[in-house]
Amino acid sequence: MCLIGFDWQPRSARPLRVLANRDEFYARPTAPLAWWAEGDILAGRDLQAGGSWMGISRSGRFAALTNVRDPSRQQAGAPSRGQLVVDALRSTLSASATLDALREQAAACNPFNLLIYDGRHLLGYESTGERVLRFGRGIHAVSNAGFDTAWPKLQRLKAGMRAVGEDEAALFALLADTSLAPDAQLPHTGVPPEWERLLSAIFIRSEHYGTRSTSLLTLGREEAEFIERSFEDGQASGERRYALRFTGLT
């Protein structure tokens, strides 16, 4: 997952709304949003490493992850970061205790940001600096740097979320924005300038790499709605919708 926007309203009937784009090489095998065979997780699945980038559990837990873009810190052979999402969804601990339990496992992974909701509390974790974040009410976002870093794509996403509210069509249109940031506003993350430019779009499209899915998830106190649209080589290839009532929060 390379872009997540979320509206956190902890005292409302629908405390969490999440928008997300997963960007990946087109050749990497992927299973779309579905209930896993074990029946406890609703998520897409990375068929190469077995983990996921975003999902929910039957008990109402939510987890999502983005990679940190820093080529100088990438270690070949590091464990898949997608397993952290799976383990967070299957945890029976609070969000805070789950992060504590995952620290040793997380330390072996390449840099990432992890978002966890346990049904009551929403926490973020930045592996760079081992920083735990508690979010104030309102709209936040994360891409391939820390939470709420002022990248142009994050600013566009957050402003768009404030403007369109709960309009589903408008939210998906926002996730489909292919406009690029001006070169003067591009971050410097250690990749070539042409890649910084390409990756500055909310929806990424190129010959071999781009947005593979866009997701809209709304979590209520007792139920959730999860919508995923898939793309192949930048072209729409399907949509899945799931509505569920939770079996009990842990």
C-alpha atoms as a PDB file:
ATOM      1  CA  MET A   1       0.000   0.000   0.000  1.00  0.00           C
ATOM      2  CA  CYS A   2       1.415   3.335  -1.003  1.00  0.00           C
ATOM      3  CA  LEU A   3      -1.266   5.868  -0.070  1.00  0.00           C
ATOM      4  CA  ILE A   4      -3.753   5.923   2.791  1.00  0.00           C
ATOM      5  CA  GLY A   5      -6.102   8.734   3.771  1.00  0.00           C
ATOM      6  CA  PHE A   6      -8.301   8.348   6.830  1.00  0.00           C
ATOM      7  CA  ASP A   7     -10.980  10.334   8.620  1.00  0.00           C
ATOM      8  CA  TRP A   8     -10.907   9.610  12.345  1.00  0.00           C
ATOM      9  CA  GLN A   9     -14.063  10.582  14.251  1.00  0.00           C
ATOM     10  CA  PRO A  10     -13.759   8.532  17.463  1.00  0.00           C
ATOM     11  CA  ARG A  11     -17.017   9.714  19.076  1.00  0.00           C
ATOM     12  CA  SER A  12     -19.224   9.211  16.041  1.00  0.00           C
ATOM     13  CA  ALA A  13     -21.313   6.245  14.905  1.00  0.00           C
ATOM     14  CA  ARG A  14     -18.790   5.691  12.103  1.00  0.00           C
ATOM     15  CA  PRO A  15     -15.441   6.347  13.729  1.00  0.00           C
ATOM     16  CA  LEU A  16     -13.156   5.481  10.811  1.00  0.00           C
ATOM     17  CA  ARG A  17     -13.299   5.977   7.037  1.00  0.00           C
ATOM     18  CA  VAL A  18     -10.264   4.884   4.998  1.00  0.00           C
ATOM     19  CA  LEU A  19      -9.288   5.603   1.391  1.00  0.00           C
ATOM     20  CA  ALA A  20      -6.294   3.780  -0.031  1.00  0.00           C
ATOM     21  CA  ASN A  21      -4.364   3.031  -3.208  1.00  0.00           C
ATOM     22  CA  ARG A  22      -2.057   0.065  -3.501  1.00  0.00           C
ATOM     23  CA  ASP A  23       0.813   0.632  -5.928  1.00  0.00           C
ATOM     24  CA  GLU A  24       2.891  -2.318  -7.093  1.00  0.00           C
ATOM     25  CA  PHE A  25       4.603  -3.847 -10.100  1.00  0.00           C
ATOM     26  CA  TYR A  26       1.969  -5.239 -12.456  1.00  0.00           C
ATOM     27  CA  ALA A  27       3.730  -8.593 -12.614  1.00  0.00           C
ATOM     28  CA  ARG A  28       3.513  -9.281  -8.861  1.00  0.00           C
ATOM     29  CA  PRO A  29       0.793 -11.914  -8.300  1.00  0.00           C
ATOM     30  CA  THR A  30      -2.124 -10.673  -6.227  1.00  0.00           C
ATOM     31  CA  ALA A  31      -5.486 -11.972  -5.040  1.00  0.00           C
ATOM     32  CA  PRO A  32      -8.269  -9.363  -4.852  1.00  0.00           C
ATOM     33  CA  LEU A  33     -10.334  -8.468  -1.801  1.00  0.00           C
ATOM     34  CA  ALA A  34     -12.024 -11.579  -0.384  1.00  0.00           C
ATOM     35  CA  TRP A  35     -12.507 -13.589   2.774  1.00  0.00           C
ATOM     36  CA  TRP A  36      -9.403 -15.681   3.364  1.00  0.00           C
ATOM     37  CA  ALA A  37      -9.741 -19.441   3.567  1.00  0.00           C
ATOM     38  CA  GLU A  38      -9.402 -19.331   7.339  1.00  0.00           C
ATOM     39  CA  GLY A  39     -12.517 -17.112   7.405  1.00  0.00           C
ATOM     40  CA  ASP A  40     -11.198 -14.498   9.820  1.00  0.00           C
ATOM     41  CA  ILE A  41      -9.706 -11.847   7.507  1.00  0.00           C
ATOM     42  CA  LEU A  42     -11.231  -9.814   4.685  1.00  0.00           C
ATOM     43  CA  ALA A  43      -8.375  -8.445   2.578  1.00  0.00           C
ATOM     44  CA  GLY A  44      -6.480  -8.620  -0.658  1.00  0.00           C
ATOM     45  CA  ARG A  45      -3.484 -10.927  -0.624  1.00  0.00           C
ATOM     46  CA  ASP A  46       0.054 -10.727  -1.948  1.00  0.00           C
ATOM     47  CA  LEU A  47       0.482 -14.149  -3.520  1.00  0.00           C
ATOM     48  CA  GLN A  48       4.253 -13.805  -3.679  1.00  0.00           C
ATOM     49  CA  ALA A  49       4.908 -13.341   0.048  1.00  0.00           C
ATOM     50  CA  GLY A  50       1.519 -14.279   1.514  1.00  0.00           C
ATOM     51  CA  GLY A  51       0.717 -11.128   3.458  1.00  0.00           C
ATOM     52  CA  SER A  52      -1.558  -8.160   2.858  1.00  0.00           C
ATOM     53  CA  TRP A  53      -1.467  -4.371   2.683  1.00  0.00           C
ATOM     54  CA  MET A  54      -4.876  -3.607   4.202  1.00  0.00           C
ATOM     55  CA  GLY A  55      -7.699  -5.582   5.755  1.00  0.00           C
ATOM     56  CA  ILE A  56     -10.292  -6.038   8.469  1.00  0.00           C
ATOM     57  CA  SER A  57     -11.225  -8.933  10.725  1.00  0.00           C
ATOM     58  CA  ARG A  58     -14.626 -10.337  11.631  1.00  0.00           C
ATOM     59  CA  SER A  59     -14.236  -8.766  15.074  1.00  0.00           C
ATOM     60  CA  GLY A  60     -13.834  -5.262  13.639  1.00  0.00           C
ATOM     61  CA  ARG A  61     -10.066  -4.855  13.742  1.00  0.00           C
ATOM     62  CA  PHE A  62      -8.368  -2.927  10.938  1.00  0.00           C
ATOM     63  CA  ALA A  63      -4.742  -2.716   9.817  1.00  0.00           C
ATOM     64  CA  ALA A  64      -2.941  -1.187   6.844  1.00  0.00           C
ATOM     65  CA  LEU A  65       0.684  -0.619   5.921  1.00  0.00           C
ATOM     66  CA  THR A  66       2.780   1.535   3.608  1.00  0.00           C
ATOM     67  CA  ASN A  67       6.427   1.062   2.715  1.00  0.00           C
ATOM     68  CA  VAL A  68       8.927   3.867   3.357  1.00  0.00           C
ATOM     69  CA  ARG A  69      10.732   4.947   0.198  1.00  0.00           C
ATOM     70  CA  ASP A  70      14.433   5.061   1.087  1.00  0.00           C
ATOM     71  CA  PRO A  71      16.657   2.902  -1.150  1.00  0.00           C
ATOM     72  CA  SER A  72      19.618   3.353   1.196  1.00  0.00           C
ATOM     73  CA  ARG A  73      17.798   1.433   3.957  1.00  0.00           C
ATOM     74  CA  GLN A  74      16.474  -1.511   1.923  1.00  0.00           C
ATOM     75  CA  GLN A  75      17.843  -4.920   2.948  1.00  0.00           C
ATOM     76  CA  ALA A  76      17.662  -7.811   0.526  1.00  0.00           C
ATOM     77  CA  GLY A  77      16.012 -10.849   2.068  1.00  0.00           C
ATOM     78  CA  ALA A  78      14.148  -8.948   4.817  1.00  0.00           C
ATOM     79  CA  PRO A  79      10.833 -10.507   5.954  1.00  0.00           C
ATOM     80  CA  SER A  80       7.658  -9.429   4.189  1.00  0.00           C
ATOM     81  CA  ARG A  81       6.078  -6.380   5.808  1.00  0.00           C
ATOM     82  CA  GLY A  82       2.656  -7.648   4.736  1.00  0.00           C
ATOM     83  CA  GLN A  83       2.774 -10.267   7.480  1.00  0.00           C
ATOM     84  CA  LEU A  84       2.571  -7.453  10.046  1.00  0.00           C
ATOM     85  CA  VAL A  85      -0.906  -6.589   8.758  1.00  0.00           C
ATOM     86  CA  VAL A  86      -2.024 -10.211   9.072  1.00  0.00           C
ATOM     87  CA  ASP A  87      -0.637 -10.545  12.603  1.00  0.00           C
ATOM     88  CA  ALA A  88      -2.216  -7.249  13.683  1.00  0.00           C
ATOM     89  CA  LEU A  89      -5.618  -8.388  12.401  1.00  0.00           C
ATOM     90  CA  ARG A  90      -5.370 -11.719  14.214  1.00  0.00           C
ATOM     91  CA  SER A  91      -4.177 -10.232  17.479  1.00  0.00           C
ATOM     92  CA  THR A  92      -6.546 -10.298  20.455  1.00  0.00           C
ATOM     93  CA  LEU A  93      -4.636  -7.508  22.215  1.00  0.00           C
ATOM     94  CA  SER A  94      -5.289  -3.788  22.263  1.00  0.00           C
ATOM     95  CA  ALA A  95      -3.744  -1.692  19.504  1.00  0.00           C
ATOM     96  CA  SER A  96      -0.992  -0.543  21.868  1.00  0.00           C
ATOM     97  CA  ALA A  97      -0.214  -4.045  23.125  1.00  0.00           C
ATOM     98  CA  THR A  98      -0.287  -5.368  19.554  1.00  0.00           C
ATOM     99  CA  LEU A  99       2.398  -2.880  18.526  1.00  0.00           C
ATOM    100  CA  ASP A 100       4.495  -3.910  21.530  1.00  0.00           C
ATOM    101  CA  ALA A 101       4.145  -7.568  20.543  1.00  0.00           C
ATOM    102  CA  LEU A 102       5.158  -6.845  16.950  1.00  0.00           C
ATOM    103  CA  ARG A 103       8.266  -4.767  17.705  1.00  0.00           C
ATOM    104  CA  GLU A 104      10.831  -7.559  17.474  1.00  0.00           C
ATOM    105  CA  GLN A 105       9.287  -8.854  14.254  1.00  0.00           C
ATOM    106  CA  ALA A 106       9.058  -5.318  12.854  1.00  0.00           C
ATOM    107  CA  ALA A 107      12.707  -4.574  13.571  1.00  0.00           C
ATOM    108  CA  ALA A 108      13.775  -7.181  11.001  1.00  0.00           C
ATOM    109  CA  CYS A 109      11.666  -5.630   8.228  1.00  0.00           C
ATOM    110  CA  ASN A 110      12.497  -2.871   5.795  1.00  0.00           C
ATOM    111  CA  PRO A 111      11.076   0.545   6.858  1.00  0.00           C
ATOM    112  CA  PHE A 112       7.291   0.894   6.982  1.00  0.00           C
ATOM    113  CA  ASN A 113       4.321   2.717   8.496  1.00  0.00           C
ATOM    114  CA  LEU A 114       1.558   0.680  10.151  1.00  0.00           C
ATOM    115  CA  LEU A 115      -1.966   1.801  11.026  1.00  0.00           C
ATOM    116  CA  ILE A 116      -3.956  -0.264  13.546  1.00  0.00           C
ATOM    117  CA  TYR A 117      -7.529   0.042  14.859  1.00  0.00           C
ATOM    118  CA  ASP A 118      -8.746  -2.323  17.578  1.00  0.00           C
ATOM    119  CA  GLY A 119     -12.391  -1.219  17.640  1.00  0.00           C
ATOM    120  CA  ARG A 120     -11.764   1.632  20.059  1.00  0.00           C
ATOM    121  CA  HIS A 121      -8.273   3.024  19.558  1.00  0.00           C
ATOM    122  CA  LEU A 122      -6.447   4.043  16.379  1.00  0.00           C
ATOM    123  CA  LEU A 123      -2.639   4.070  16.434  1.00  0.00           C
ATOM    124  CA  GLY A 124       0.072   4.651  13.881  1.00  0.00           C
ATOM    125  CA  TYR A 125       3.578   3.255  14.006  1.00  0.00           C
ATOM    126  CA  GLU A 126       6.585   4.547  12.086  1.00  0.00           C
ATOM    127  CA  SER A 127       9.339   1.951  12.126  1.00  0.00           C
ATOM    128  CA  THR A 128      11.862   4.678  11.308  1.00  0.00           C
ATOM    129  CA  GLY A 129      12.423   6.045  14.788  1.00  0.00           C
ATOM    130  CA  GLU A 130      10.053   3.459  16.356  1.00  0.00           C
ATOM    131  CA  ARG A 131       7.464   6.196  16.803  1.00  0.00           C
ATOM    132  CA  VAL A 132       3.895   5.519  17.985  1.00  0.00           C
ATOM    133  CA  LEU A 133       1.268   8.113  17.040  1.00  0.00           C
ATOM    134  CA  ARG A 134      -2.161   8.871  18.482  1.00  0.00           C
ATOM    135  CA  PHE A 135      -4.274  10.847  16.057  1.00  0.00           C
ATOM    136  CA  GLY A 136      -6.492  13.806  16.741  1.00  0.00           C
ATOM    137  CA  ARG A 137     -10.005  13.956  15.345  1.00  0.00           C
ATOM    138  CA  GLY A 138     -10.121  14.674  11.610  1.00  0.00           C
ATOM    139  CA  ILE A 139      -8.397  13.796   8.354  1.00  0.00           C
ATOM    140  CA  HIS A 140      -4.886  12.350   8.158  1.00  0.00           C
ATOM    141  CA  ALA A 141      -2.831  10.600   5.497  1.00  0.00           C
ATOM    142  CA  VAL A 142       0.357   8.632   4.936  1.00  0.00           C
ATOM    143  CA  SER A 143       2.320   7.577   1.883  1.00  0.00           C
ATOM    144  CA  ASN A 144       5.962   6.510   1.688  1.00  0.00           C
ATOM    145  CA  ALA A 145       7.260   8.817   4.412  1.00  0.00           C
ATOM    146  CA  GLY A 146       5.948   9.550   7.906  1.00  0.00           C
ATOM    147  CA  PHE A 147       2.296  10.177   8.750  1.00  0.00           C
ATOM    148  CA  ASP A 148       1.005  13.572   7.550  1.00  0.00           C
ATOM    149  CA  THR A 149       4.270  14.430   5.777  1.00  0.00           C
ATOM    150  CA  ALA A 150       3.520  17.435   3.543  1.00  0.00           C
ATOM    151  CA  TRP A 151       3.964  15.689   0.199  1.00  0.00           C
ATOM    152  CA  PRO A 152       1.843  17.210  -2.612  1.00  0.00           C
ATOM    153  CA  LYS A 153      -0.172  13.992  -3.133  1.00  0.00           C
ATOM    154  CA  LEU A 154      -1.039  13.821   0.568  1.00  0.00           C
ATOM    155  CA  GLN A 155      -2.094  17.444   0.622  1.00  0.00           C
ATOM    156  CA  ARG A 156      -4.308  16.927  -2.448  1.00  0.00           C
ATOM    157  CA  LEU A 157      -5.841  13.793  -0.944  1.00  0.00           C
ATOM    158  CA  LYS A 158      -6.594  15.423   2.418  1.00  0.00           C
ATOM    159  CA  ALA A 159      -8.032  18.557   0.821  1.00  0.00           C
ATOM    160  CA  GLY A 160     -10.183  16.414  -1.459  1.00  0.00           C
ATOM    161  CA  MET A 161     -11.492  14.346   1.431  1.00  0.00           C
ATOM    162  CA  ARG A 162     -12.521  17.508   3.275  1.00  0.00           C
ATOM    163  CA  ALA A 163     -14.250  18.834   0.151  1.00  0.00           C
ATOM    164  CA  VAL A 164     -16.292  15.779  -0.884  1.00  0.00           C
ATOM    165  CA  GLY A 165     -17.328  14.348   2.472  1.00  0.00           C
ATOM    166  CA  GLU A 166     -19.015  10.928   2.188  1.00  0.00           C
ATOM    167  CA  ASP A 167     -19.801  11.030  -1.540  1.00  0.00           C
ATOM    168  CA  GLU A 168     -18.646   7.602  -2.754  1.00  0.00           C
ATOM    169  CA  ALA A 169     -18.282   8.539  -6.421  1.00  0.00           C
ATOM    170  CA  ALA A 170     -16.308  11.652  -5.542  1.00  0.00           C
ATOM    171  CA  LEU A 171     -14.017   9.729  -3.191  1.00  0.00           C
ATOM    172  CA  PHE A 172     -13.205   7.170  -5.883  1.00  0.00           C
ATOM    173  CA  ALA A 173     -12.650   9.998  -8.363  1.00  0.00           C
ATOM    174  CA  LEU A 174     -10.184  11.499  -5.896  1.00  0.00           C
ATOM    175  CA  LEU A 175      -8.295   8.196  -5.722  1.00  0.00           C
ATOM    176  CA  ALA A 176      -8.124   8.174  -9.541  1.00  0.00           C
ATOM    177  CA  ASP A 177      -6.312  11.527  -9.777  1.00  0.00           C
ATOM    178  CA  THR A 178      -3.307  11.109 -12.119  1.00  0.00           C
ATOM    179  CA  SER A 179      -2.021  14.694 -11.942  1.00  0.00           C
ATOM    180  CA  LEU A 180       1.695  15.086 -11.189  1.00  0.00           C
ATOM    181  CA  ALA A 181       3.282  17.510  -8.754  1.00  0.00           C
ATOM    182  CA  PRO A 182       5.476  20.334 -10.099  1.00  0.00           C
ATOM    183  CA  ASP A 183       9.158  19.405 -10.033  1.00  0.00           C
ATOM    184  CA  ALA A 184       9.856  22.131  -7.478  1.00  0.00           C
ATOM    185  CA  GLN A 185       7.523  20.399  -5.005  1.00  0.00           C
ATOM    186  CA  LEU A 186       8.831  16.859  -5.430  1.00  0.00           C
ATOM    187  CA  PRO A 187      10.361  15.146  -2.395  1.00  0.00           C
ATOM    188  CA  HIS A 188      13.887  13.772  -2.547  1.00  0.00           C
ATOM    189  CA  THR A 189      13.772  10.167  -1.391  1.00  0.00           C
ATOM    190  CA  GLY A 190      16.773   8.703  -3.188  1.00  0.00           C
ATOM    191  CA  VAL A 191      15.101   7.566  -6.413  1.00  0.00           C
ATOM    192  CA  PRO A 192      15.736   9.202  -9.827  1.00  0.00           C
ATOM    193  CA  PRO A 193      13.818  12.448 -10.571  1.00  0.00           C
ATOM    194  CA  GLU A 194      11.670  10.774 -13.208  1.00  0.00           C
ATOM    195  CA  TRP A 195      10.479   8.289 -10.571  1.00  0.00           C
ATOM    196  CA  GLU A 196       9.833  11.051  -8.021  1.00  0.00           C
ATOM    197  CA  ARG A 197       7.669  12.720 -10.676  1.00  0.00           C
ATOM    198  CA  LEU A 198       5.803   9.509 -11.559  1.00  0.00           C
ATOM    199  CA  LEU A 199       5.180   8.628  -7.912  1.00  0.00           C
ATOM    200  CA  SER A 200       3.826  12.090  -7.080  1.00  0.00           C
ATOM    201  CA  ALA A 201       0.410  11.162  -8.524  1.00  0.00           C
ATOM    202  CA  ILE A 202      -2.385   9.840  -6.326  1.00  0.00           C
ATOM    203  CA  PHE A 203      -3.140   7.232  -9.009  1.00  0.00           C
ATOM    204  CA  ILE A 204       0.058   5.971 -10.646  1.00  0.00           C
ATOM    205  CA  ARG A 205       0.222   4.631 -14.173  1.00  0.00           C
ATOM    206  CA  SER A 206       3.362   3.552 -16.051  1.00  0.00           C
ATOM    207  CA  GLU A 207       4.507   0.703 -18.288  1.00  0.00           C
ATOM    208  CA  HIS A 208       5.381  -1.801 -15.566  1.00  0.00           C
ATOM    209  CA  TYR A 209       4.328  -0.237 -12.235  1.00  0.00           C
ATOM    210  CA  GLY A 210       1.283   1.550 -10.923  1.00  0.00           C
ATOM    211  CA  THR A 211      -1.897   1.528  -8.872  1.00  0.00           C
ATOM    212  CA  ARG A 212      -3.251  -2.014  -8.668  1.00  0.00           C
ATOM    213  CA  SER A 213      -6.287  -1.334  -6.464  1.00  0.00           C
ATOM    214  CA  THR A 214      -8.239   1.490  -4.845  1.00  0.00           C
ATOM    215  CA  SER A 215     -10.217   0.916  -1.657  1.00  0.00           C
ATOM    216  CA  LEU A 216     -12.901   2.617   0.395  1.00  0.00           C
ATOM    217  CA  LEU A 217     -13.576   1.243   3.864  1.00  0.00           C
ATOM    218  CA  THR A 218     -16.098   2.571   6.368  1.00  0.00           C
ATOM    219  CA  LEU A 219     -15.991   1.175   9.904  1.00  0.00           C
ATOM    220  CA  GLY A 220     -18.970   1.640  12.194  1.00  0.00           C
ATOM    221  CA  ARG A 221     -19.342   0.512  15.775  1.00  0.00           C
ATOM    222  CA  GLU A 222     -20.909  -2.809  14.811  1.00  0.00           C
ATOM    223  CA  GLU A 223     -20.512  -3.063  11.040  1.00  0.00           C
ATOM    224  CA  ALA A 224     -18.292  -2.224   8.093  1.00  0.00           C
ATOM    225  CA  GLU A 225     -18.491  -1.690   4.350  1.00  0.00           C
ATOM    226  CA  PHE A 226     -15.421  -2.490   2.246  1.00  0.00           C
ATOM    227  CA  ILE A 227     -15.203  -1.672  -1.479  1.00  0.00           C
ATOM    228  CA  GLU A 228     -12.224  -2.458  -3.706  1.00  0.00           C
ATOM    229  CA  ARG A 229     -11.672  -1.614  -7.360  1.00  0.00           C
ATOM    230  CA  SER A 230      -8.911  -3.487  -9.176  1.00  0.00           C
ATOM    231  CA  PHE A 231      -6.744  -2.408 -12.098  1.00  0.00           C
ATOM    232  CA  GLU A 232      -4.603  -4.322 -14.569  1.00  0.00           C
ATOM    233  CA  ASP A 233      -1.946  -2.329 -16.413  1.00  0.00           C
ATOM    234  CA  GLY A 234      -3.723   0.837 -15.330  1.00  0.00           C
ATOM    235  CA  GLN A 235      -7.138  -0.246 -16.629  1.00  0.00           C
ATOM    236  CA  ALA A 236     -10.157  -1.049 -14.445  1.00  0.00           C
ATOM    237  CA  SER A 237     -10.668  -4.813 -14.095  1.00  0.00           C
ATOM    238  CA  GLY A 238     -13.334  -5.314 -11.430  1.00  0.00           C
ATOM    239  CA  GLU A 239     -15.047  -4.216  -8.240  1.00  0.00           C
ATOM    240  CA  ARG A 240     -15.923  -6.066  -5.048  1.00  0.00           C
ATOM    241  CA  ARG A 241     -18.214  -4.929  -2.212  1.00  0.00           C
ATOM    242  CA  TYR A 242     -18.582  -6.496   1.202  1.00  0.00           C
ATOM    243  CA  ALA A 243     -20.822  -5.541   4.110  1.00  0.00           C
ATOM    244  CA  LEU A 244     -20.416  -7.296   7.456  1.00  0.00           C
ATOM    245  CA  ARG A 245     -21.503  -7.124  11.048  1.00  0.00           C
ATOM    246  CA  PHE A 246     -18.820  -7.748  13.616  1.00  0.00           C
ATOM    247  CA  THR A 247     -18.840 -10.853  15.755  1.00  0.00           C
ATOM    248  CA  GLY A 248     -17.526  -9.033  18.823  1.00  0.00           C
ATOM    249  CA  LEU A 249     -14.602  -6.734  19.441  1.00  0.00           C
ATOM    250  CA  THR A 250     -11.563  -7.935  21.390  1.00  0.00           C
END
